[in-house]
Amino acid sequence: MPRGKRRATTAPEMGSSEEDRQSSKRHRNAFISNLSSRRCSKVDDAFSQKRCLNWFREYTTPNDPDTLAPEGMERFCEDISVEPENVVMLVLAYKMGARQMGFFTQSEWLKGLTDLQCDTSEKVTNKLDHLRNLLNDHNTFKLIYRYAYDFARDKDQRSMDVETAKGMLQLLLGKHWPLYPQFALFLEQSKYKVINKDQWCNILEFSRTISNDLTNYDVDGAWPVMLDEFVEWLRHLRTQTTIS
């Protein structure tokens, strides 16, 4: 009787099996590598107080390592691509609870940037739109406006000098209050050299509630004398313009 023939495994079948194993191995290694990369990325993205503090030290000097002074502030602004006079810097100072314009203490820096979860310039840059949007909230804007008074005034004085006040009003109200140019001109021509906090707060209320034609301004209301004088000055100016 003839022997039964054994079915031989062909070369192509053996090759195909080996290729499958190698392909599977490559896919597995790629998956592990990708997973590891994502884990590292998450670790890098996580806020680190140590990294935040080390970053702060890049802007301070050995003589005063706990205070970021004006020179360091300029470099910080360059790193986050913002002009020092930009209103977003005021919002950032507000988040930090900074007490003096042009300076951040170490505790203020950590307070604000921990709240924002930022420990690099890139992270702060990505938060700038969020900080600007805080100004669109009615109540938050009011808090920032009030904060700006004590932040910007000379700490040796109880009131804010008029020149500083005009700069801060331009920053906060210049784009939103149509009467700001006239009010700034009034301050330049007036007897006022300083603005107290009550006047400061009432200027915001005036800008929000009094119409541009001044028809709803009540001279018998509880407005500061400064605003009574501004209304009288502006009405007189408009009358003179109409006559001429």
C-alpha atoms as a PDB file:
ATOM      1  CA  MET A   1       0.000   0.000   0.000  1.00  0.00           C
ATOM      2  CA  PRO A   2       1.300   3.409  -0.803  1.00  0.00           C
ATOM      3  CA  ARG A   3       2.311   5.605   2.074  1.00  0.00           C
ATOM      4  CA  GLY A   4       0.024   8.457   2.962  1.00  0.00           C
ATOM      5  CA  LYS A   5       1.449  11.831   1.985  1.00  0.00           C
ATOM      6  CA  ARG A   6       2.123  14.286   4.820  1.00  0.00           C
ATOM      7  CA  ARG A   7       0.966  17.804   4.118  1.00  0.00           C
ATOM      8  CA  ALA A   8       4.007  20.039   4.173  1.00  0.00           C
ATOM      9  CA  THR A   9       3.831  23.605   5.470  1.00  0.00           C
ATOM     10  CA  THR A  10       4.662  25.783   2.566  1.00  0.00           C
ATOM     11  CA  ALA A  11       7.228  28.546   2.754  1.00  0.00           C
ATOM     12  CA  PRO A  12       4.717  31.302   2.084  1.00  0.00           C
ATOM     13  CA  GLU A  13       2.586  30.158   5.061  1.00  0.00           C
ATOM     14  CA  MET A  14       5.600  30.168   7.393  1.00  0.00           C
ATOM     15  CA  GLY A  15       6.653  33.606   6.180  1.00  0.00           C
ATOM     16  CA  SER A  16       3.179  35.000   6.645  1.00  0.00           C
ATOM     17  CA  SER A  17       3.036  33.777  10.255  1.00  0.00           C
ATOM     18  CA  GLU A  18       6.391  35.374  11.074  1.00  0.00           C
ATOM     19  CA  GLU A  19       5.341  38.666   9.504  1.00  0.00           C
ATOM     20  CA  ASP A  20       2.169  38.661  11.578  1.00  0.00           C
ATOM     21  CA  ARG A  21       4.175  38.139  14.773  1.00  0.00           C
ATOM     22  CA  GLN A  22       6.599  40.930  13.895  1.00  0.00           C
ATOM     23  CA  SER A  23       3.749  43.275  12.959  1.00  0.00           C
ATOM     24  CA  SER A  24       1.940  42.512  16.196  1.00  0.00           C
ATOM     25  CA  LYS A  25       5.109  43.178  18.148  1.00  0.00           C
ATOM     26  CA  ARG A  26       5.639  46.502  16.404  1.00  0.00           C
ATOM     27  CA  HIS A  27       2.061  47.583  17.108  1.00  0.00           C
ATOM     28  CA  ARG A  28       2.405  46.582  20.758  1.00  0.00           C
ATOM     29  CA  ASN A  29       5.653  48.509  21.166  1.00  0.00           C
ATOM     30  CA  ALA A  30       4.171  51.553  19.438  1.00  0.00           C
ATOM     31  CA  PHE A  31       1.144  51.436  21.751  1.00  0.00           C
ATOM     32  CA  ILE A  32       3.329  51.202  24.859  1.00  0.00           C
ATOM     33  CA  SER A  33       5.545  54.025  23.608  1.00  0.00           C
ATOM     34  CA  ASN A  34       2.529  56.238  22.857  1.00  0.00           C
ATOM     35  CA  LEU A  35       0.966  55.486  26.244  1.00  0.00           C
ATOM     36  CA  SER A  36       4.218  56.312  28.010  1.00  0.00           C
ATOM     37  CA  SER A  37       4.514  59.538  26.030  1.00  0.00           C
ATOM     38  CA  ARG A  38       0.998  60.594  26.999  1.00  0.00           C
ATOM     39  CA  ARG A  39       1.719  59.859  30.656  1.00  0.00           C
ATOM     40  CA  CYS A  40       4.857  62.003  30.519  1.00  0.00           C
ATOM     41  CA  SER A  41       2.890  64.754  28.807  1.00  0.00           C
ATOM     42  CA  LYS A  42       0.292  64.735  31.581  1.00  0.00           C
ATOM     43  CA  VAL A  43       3.036  64.938  34.195  1.00  0.00           C
ATOM     44  CA  ASP A  44       4.600  67.904  32.381  1.00  0.00           C
ATOM     45  CA  ASP A  45       1.214  69.655  32.134  1.00  0.00           C
ATOM     46  CA  ALA A  46       0.491  69.264  35.836  1.00  0.00           C
ATOM     47  CA  PHE A  47       1.066  72.406  37.892  1.00  0.00           C
ATOM     48  CA  SER A  48       4.250  72.345  39.967  1.00  0.00           C
ATOM     49  CA  GLN A  49       4.725  74.854  42.766  1.00  0.00           C
ATOM     50  CA  LYS A  50       8.459  74.130  42.712  1.00  0.00           C
ATOM     51  CA  ARG A  51       8.653  74.899  38.977  1.00  0.00           C
ATOM     52  CA  CYS A  52       6.546  78.022  39.539  1.00  0.00           C
ATOM     53  CA  LEU A  53       8.922  79.230  42.255  1.00  0.00           C
ATOM     54  CA  ASN A  54      12.012  78.481  40.148  1.00  0.00           C
ATOM     55  CA  TRP A  55      10.449  80.471  37.330  1.00  0.00           C
ATOM     56  CA  PHE A  56       9.866  83.385  39.711  1.00  0.00           C
ATOM     57  CA  ARG A  57      13.565  83.338  40.643  1.00  0.00           C
ATOM     58  CA  GLU A  58      14.472  83.974  36.996  1.00  0.00           C
ATOM     59  CA  TYR A  59      13.133  87.511  37.402  1.00  0.00           C
ATOM     60  CA  THR A  60      14.560  88.390  40.810  1.00  0.00           C
ATOM     61  CA  THR A  61      18.045  89.326  41.963  1.00  0.00           C
ATOM     62  CA  PRO A  62      20.305  87.738  44.618  1.00  0.00           C
ATOM     63  CA  ASN A  63      19.964  90.913  46.678  1.00  0.00           C
ATOM     64  CA  ASP A  64      16.173  90.599  46.813  1.00  0.00           C
ATOM     65  CA  PRO A  65      15.181  87.062  45.802  1.00  0.00           C
ATOM     66  CA  ASP A  66      11.652  87.366  47.193  1.00  0.00           C
ATOM     67  CA  THR A  67      10.558  90.381  45.125  1.00  0.00           C
ATOM     68  CA  LEU A  68      10.024  90.724  41.396  1.00  0.00           C
ATOM     69  CA  ALA A  69      10.907  94.391  40.759  1.00  0.00           C
ATOM     70  CA  PRO A  70      10.260  96.649  37.703  1.00  0.00           C
ATOM     71  CA  GLU A  71      13.253  95.368  35.718  1.00  0.00           C
ATOM     72  CA  GLY A  72      12.163  91.774  36.245  1.00  0.00           C
ATOM     73  CA  MET A  73       8.587  92.798  35.438  1.00  0.00           C
ATOM     74  CA  GLU A  74       9.684  94.019  32.024  1.00  0.00           C
ATOM     75  CA  ARG A  75      11.338  90.673  31.256  1.00  0.00           C
ATOM     76  CA  PHE A  76       8.284  88.807  32.517  1.00  0.00           C
ATOM     77  CA  CYS A  77       6.040  90.874  30.220  1.00  0.00           C
ATOM     78  CA  GLU A  78       8.341  90.143  27.282  1.00  0.00           C
ATOM     79  CA  ASP A  79       8.176  86.421  28.010  1.00  0.00           C
ATOM     80  CA  ILE A  80       4.371  86.389  27.973  1.00  0.00           C
ATOM     81  CA  SER A  81       4.243  88.834  25.014  1.00  0.00           C
ATOM     82  CA  VAL A  82       2.263  91.554  26.806  1.00  0.00           C
ATOM     83  CA  GLU A  83       2.990  95.272  27.149  1.00  0.00           C
ATOM     84  CA  PRO A  84       3.346  96.331  30.806  1.00  0.00           C
ATOM     85  CA  GLU A  85       0.596  98.945  30.260  1.00  0.00           C
ATOM     86  CA  ASN A  86      -1.875  96.376  28.931  1.00  0.00           C
ATOM     87  CA  VAL A  87      -5.008  96.068  31.066  1.00  0.00           C
ATOM     88  CA  VAL A  88      -4.496  92.292  31.286  1.00  0.00           C
ATOM     89  CA  MET A  89      -1.497  92.960  33.541  1.00  0.00           C
ATOM     90  CA  LEU A  90      -3.825  94.757  35.945  1.00  0.00           C
ATOM     91  CA  VAL A  91      -6.132  91.731  35.933  1.00  0.00           C
ATOM     92  CA  LEU A  92      -3.173  89.430  36.600  1.00  0.00           C
ATOM     93  CA  ALA A  93      -2.061  91.677  39.481  1.00  0.00           C
ATOM     94  CA  TYR A  94      -5.628  91.510  40.823  1.00  0.00           C
ATOM     95  CA  LYS A  95      -5.527  87.702  40.730  1.00  0.00           C
ATOM     96  CA  MET A  96      -2.256  87.817  42.660  1.00  0.00           C
ATOM     97  CA  GLY A  97      -3.534  90.389  45.129  1.00  0.00           C
ATOM     98  CA  ALA A  98      -0.435  92.482  44.400  1.00  0.00           C
ATOM     99  CA  ARG A  99      -0.136  95.537  46.638  1.00  0.00           C
ATOM    100  CA  GLN A 100       2.207  97.727  44.602  1.00  0.00           C
ATOM    101  CA  MET A 101       2.342  98.535  40.905  1.00  0.00           C
ATOM    102  CA  GLY A 102       5.498  97.208  39.231  1.00  0.00           C
ATOM    103  CA  PHE A 103       6.217  94.622  41.924  1.00  0.00           C
ATOM    104  CA  PHE A 104       5.203  91.040  42.690  1.00  0.00           C
ATOM    105  CA  THR A 105       6.254  89.404  45.937  1.00  0.00           C
ATOM    106  CA  GLN A 106       6.927  85.689  46.072  1.00  0.00           C
ATOM    107  CA  SER A 107       3.743  85.027  48.055  1.00  0.00           C
ATOM    108  CA  GLU A 108       1.653  87.099  45.602  1.00  0.00           C
ATOM    109  CA  TRP A 109       3.174  85.267  42.637  1.00  0.00           C
ATOM    110  CA  LEU A 110       2.460  81.832  44.122  1.00  0.00           C
ATOM    111  CA  LYS A 111      -1.070  82.834  45.152  1.00  0.00           C
ATOM    112  CA  GLY A 112      -2.082  84.075  41.707  1.00  0.00           C
ATOM    113  CA  LEU A 113      -0.337  81.489  39.561  1.00  0.00           C
ATOM    114  CA  THR A 114      -1.419  78.589  41.759  1.00  0.00           C
ATOM    115  CA  ASP A 115      -4.988  79.778  41.295  1.00  0.00           C
ATOM    116  CA  LEU A 116      -4.414  79.950  37.516  1.00  0.00           C
ATOM    117  CA  GLN A 117      -2.407  76.681  37.539  1.00  0.00           C
ATOM    118  CA  CYS A 118       0.447  78.329  35.619  1.00  0.00           C
ATOM    119  CA  ASP A 119       4.129  77.561  36.134  1.00  0.00           C
ATOM    120  CA  THR A 120       5.539  78.559  32.731  1.00  0.00           C
ATOM    121  CA  SER A 121       5.284  81.556  30.421  1.00  0.00           C
ATOM    122  CA  GLU A 122       3.445  79.410  27.850  1.00  0.00           C
ATOM    123  CA  LYS A 123       0.724  78.556  30.359  1.00  0.00           C
ATOM    124  CA  VAL A 124       0.246  82.204  31.329  1.00  0.00           C
ATOM    125  CA  THR A 125       0.084  83.174  27.649  1.00  0.00           C
ATOM    126  CA  ASN A 126      -2.673  80.593  27.170  1.00  0.00           C
ATOM    127  CA  LYS A 127      -4.600  82.164  30.080  1.00  0.00           C
ATOM    128  CA  LEU A 128      -4.523  85.751  28.780  1.00  0.00           C
ATOM    129  CA  ASP A 129      -7.890  85.506  27.017  1.00  0.00           C
ATOM    130  CA  HIS A 130      -9.416  84.099  30.198  1.00  0.00           C
ATOM    131  CA  LEU A 131      -8.020  87.040  32.188  1.00  0.00           C
ATOM    132  CA  ARG A 132      -9.317  89.582  29.659  1.00  0.00           C
ATOM    133  CA  ASN A 133     -12.757  87.966  29.729  1.00  0.00           C
ATOM    134  CA  LEU A 134     -12.983  88.627  33.476  1.00  0.00           C
ATOM    135  CA  LEU A 135     -13.426  92.295  32.578  1.00  0.00           C
ATOM    136  CA  ASN A 136     -16.653  91.427  30.771  1.00  0.00           C
ATOM    137  CA  ASP A 137     -18.307  90.318  33.991  1.00  0.00           C
ATOM    138  CA  HIS A 138     -20.102  93.292  35.572  1.00  0.00           C
ATOM    139  CA  ASN A 139     -19.327  92.430  39.193  1.00  0.00           C
ATOM    140  CA  THR A 140     -15.763  91.254  38.590  1.00  0.00           C
ATOM    141  CA  PHE A 141     -14.996  94.438  36.659  1.00  0.00           C
ATOM    142  CA  LYS A 142     -16.228  96.476  39.608  1.00  0.00           C
ATOM    143  CA  LEU A 143     -13.932  94.566  41.956  1.00  0.00           C
ATOM    144  CA  ILE A 144     -10.954  95.064  39.635  1.00  0.00           C
ATOM    145  CA  TYR A 145     -11.786  98.773  39.255  1.00  0.00           C
ATOM    146  CA  ARG A 146     -11.888  99.260  43.025  1.00  0.00           C
ATOM    147  CA  TYR A 147      -8.702  97.224  43.432  1.00  0.00           C
ATOM    148  CA  ALA A 148      -6.923  99.444  40.895  1.00  0.00           C
ATOM    149  CA  TYR A 149      -7.219 102.488  43.169  1.00  0.00           C
ATOM    150  CA  ASP A 150      -5.142 101.106  46.041  1.00  0.00           C
ATOM    151  CA  PHE A 151      -2.869  99.243  43.643  1.00  0.00           C
ATOM    152  CA  ALA A 152      -1.895 102.324  41.634  1.00  0.00           C
ATOM    153  CA  ARG A 153      -1.813 105.101  44.221  1.00  0.00           C
ATOM    154  CA  ASP A 154       1.352 106.171  45.978  1.00  0.00           C
ATOM    155  CA  LYS A 155       1.393 104.229  49.243  1.00  0.00           C
ATOM    156  CA  ASP A 156       2.663 107.307  51.069  1.00  0.00           C
ATOM    157  CA  GLN A 157      -0.540 109.150  50.108  1.00  0.00           C
ATOM    158  CA  ARG A 158      -4.155 108.385  50.941  1.00  0.00           C
ATOM    159  CA  SER A 159      -5.366 109.710  47.571  1.00  0.00           C
ATOM    160  CA  MET A 160      -4.352 109.092  43.971  1.00  0.00           C
ATOM    161  CA  ASP A 161      -2.711 111.900  42.020  1.00  0.00           C
ATOM    162  CA  VAL A 162      -4.693 113.097  39.000  1.00  0.00           C
ATOM    163  CA  GLU A 163      -2.134 112.022  36.398  1.00  0.00           C
ATOM    164  CA  THR A 164      -2.132 108.443  37.690  1.00  0.00           C
ATOM    165  CA  ALA A 165      -5.923 108.509  37.906  1.00  0.00           C
ATOM    166  CA  LYS A 166      -6.234 109.612  34.279  1.00  0.00           C
ATOM    167  CA  GLY A 167      -3.958 106.785  33.182  1.00  0.00           C
ATOM    168  CA  MET A 168      -5.924 104.156  35.106  1.00  0.00           C
ATOM    169  CA  LEU A 169      -9.266 105.554  33.929  1.00  0.00           C
ATOM    170  CA  GLN A 170      -8.022 105.438  30.334  1.00  0.00           C
ATOM    171  CA  LEU A 171      -7.007 101.817  30.874  1.00  0.00           C
ATOM    172  CA  LEU A 172     -10.295 100.757  32.463  1.00  0.00           C
ATOM    173  CA  LEU A 173     -12.958 103.067  30.994  1.00  0.00           C
ATOM    174  CA  GLY A 174     -11.367 104.700  27.960  1.00  0.00           C
ATOM    175  CA  LYS A 175     -12.832 102.253  25.442  1.00  0.00           C
ATOM    176  CA  HIS A 176     -16.245 101.924  27.094  1.00  0.00           C
ATOM    177  CA  TRP A 177     -17.166 105.373  28.408  1.00  0.00           C
ATOM    178  CA  PRO A 178     -17.869 107.886  25.621  1.00  0.00           C
ATOM    179  CA  LEU A 179     -17.459 110.806  28.014  1.00  0.00           C
ATOM    180  CA  TYR A 180     -13.987 109.805  29.164  1.00  0.00           C
ATOM    181  CA  PRO A 181     -12.126 112.225  26.807  1.00  0.00           C
ATOM    182  CA  GLN A 182     -14.200 115.134  28.131  1.00  0.00           C
ATOM    183  CA  PHE A 183     -13.718 114.007  31.718  1.00  0.00           C
ATOM    184  CA  ALA A 184      -9.933 113.753  31.225  1.00  0.00           C
ATOM    185  CA  LEU A 185      -9.924 117.292  29.782  1.00  0.00           C
ATOM    186  CA  PHE A 186     -12.013 118.509  32.718  1.00  0.00           C
ATOM    187  CA  LEU A 187      -9.467 117.071  35.157  1.00  0.00           C
ATOM    188  CA  GLU A 188      -6.625 118.802  33.301  1.00  0.00           C
ATOM    189  CA  GLN A 189      -8.375 122.168  33.549  1.00  0.00           C
ATOM    190  CA  SER A 190      -9.736 121.763  37.063  1.00  0.00           C
ATOM    191  CA  LYS A 191      -8.330 122.590  40.468  1.00  0.00           C
ATOM    192  CA  TYR A 192      -8.112 118.916  41.399  1.00  0.00           C
ATOM    193  CA  LYS A 193      -4.649 117.485  42.038  1.00  0.00           C
ATOM    194  CA  VAL A 194      -5.751 114.217  43.633  1.00  0.00           C
ATOM    195  CA  ILE A 195      -8.778 111.918  43.581  1.00  0.00           C
ATOM    196  CA  ASN A 196     -10.020 110.197  46.725  1.00  0.00           C
ATOM    197  CA  LYS A 197     -11.522 106.728  46.823  1.00  0.00           C
ATOM    198  CA  ASP A 198     -15.122 107.914  47.090  1.00  0.00           C
ATOM    199  CA  GLN A 199     -14.682 110.031  43.964  1.00  0.00           C
ATOM    200  CA  TRP A 200     -12.984 107.133  42.194  1.00  0.00           C
ATOM    201  CA  CYS A 201     -15.824 104.716  42.915  1.00  0.00           C
ATOM    202  CA  ASN A 202     -18.476 107.263  41.915  1.00  0.00           C
ATOM    203  CA  ILE A 203     -16.784 107.891  38.566  1.00  0.00           C
ATOM    204  CA  LEU A 204     -17.460 104.258  37.661  1.00  0.00           C
ATOM    205  CA  GLU A 205     -21.074 104.520  38.787  1.00  0.00           C
ATOM    206  CA  PHE A 206     -21.470 107.755  36.812  1.00  0.00           C
ATOM    207  CA  SER A 207     -20.048 106.127  33.661  1.00  0.00           C
ATOM    208  CA  ARG A 208     -22.519 103.261  33.975  1.00  0.00           C
ATOM    209  CA  THR A 209     -25.705 105.130  34.831  1.00  0.00           C
ATOM    210  CA  ILE A 210     -25.571 108.648  33.395  1.00  0.00           C
ATOM    211  CA  SER A 211     -26.475 109.096  29.735  1.00  0.00           C
ATOM    212  CA  ASN A 212     -24.125 110.883  27.389  1.00  0.00           C
ATOM    213  CA  ASP A 213     -26.522 113.829  27.056  1.00  0.00           C
ATOM    214  CA  LEU A 214     -26.585 114.149  30.897  1.00  0.00           C
ATOM    215  CA  THR A 215     -30.386 114.403  30.933  1.00  0.00           C
ATOM    216  CA  ASN A 216     -30.747 111.867  33.755  1.00  0.00           C
ATOM    217  CA  TYR A 217     -28.161 113.523  36.012  1.00  0.00           C
ATOM    218  CA  ASP A 218     -29.711 114.722  39.266  1.00  0.00           C
ATOM    219  CA  VAL A 219     -27.806 117.685  40.675  1.00  0.00           C
ATOM    220  CA  ASP A 220     -29.528 117.057  44.012  1.00  0.00           C
ATOM    221  CA  GLY A 221     -28.326 113.445  44.055  1.00  0.00           C
ATOM    222  CA  ALA A 222     -25.571 112.078  46.271  1.00  0.00           C
ATOM    223  CA  TRP A 223     -22.821 112.598  43.702  1.00  0.00           C
ATOM    224  CA  PRO A 224     -19.448 114.043  44.761  1.00  0.00           C
ATOM    225  CA  VAL A 225     -18.983 117.756  44.121  1.00  0.00           C
ATOM    226  CA  MET A 226     -16.350 116.869  41.501  1.00  0.00           C
ATOM    227  CA  LEU A 227     -19.002 115.235  39.305  1.00  0.00           C
ATOM    228  CA  ASP A 228     -21.432 118.127  39.826  1.00  0.00           C
ATOM    229  CA  GLU A 229     -18.690 120.415  38.573  1.00  0.00           C
ATOM    230  CA  PHE A 230     -17.921 118.133  35.643  1.00  0.00           C
ATOM    231  CA  VAL A 231     -21.569 118.138  34.531  1.00  0.00           C
ATOM    232  CA  GLU A 232     -21.745 121.923  34.813  1.00  0.00           C
ATOM    233  CA  TRP A 233     -18.457 122.280  32.923  1.00  0.00           C
ATOM    234  CA  LEU A 234     -19.534 119.916  30.135  1.00  0.00           C
ATOM    235  CA  ARG A 235     -22.947 121.571  29.693  1.00  0.00           C
ATOM    236  CA  HIS A 236     -21.265 124.937  29.441  1.00  0.00           C
ATOM    237  CA  LEU A 237     -18.762 123.561  26.930  1.00  0.00           C
ATOM    238  CA  ARG A 238     -21.556 122.126  24.781  1.00  0.00           C
ATOM    239  CA  THR A 239     -23.484 125.398  24.904  1.00  0.00           C
ATOM    240  CA  GLN A 240     -20.436 127.338  23.781  1.00  0.00           C
ATOM    241  CA  THR A 241     -19.846 124.839  20.945  1.00  0.00           C
ATOM    242  CA  THR A 242     -23.484 125.143  19.814  1.00  0.00           C
ATOM    243  CA  ILE A 243     -23.333 128.973  19.810  1.00  0.00           C
ATOM    244  CA  SER A 244     -20.093 129.101  17.861  1.00  0.00           C
END
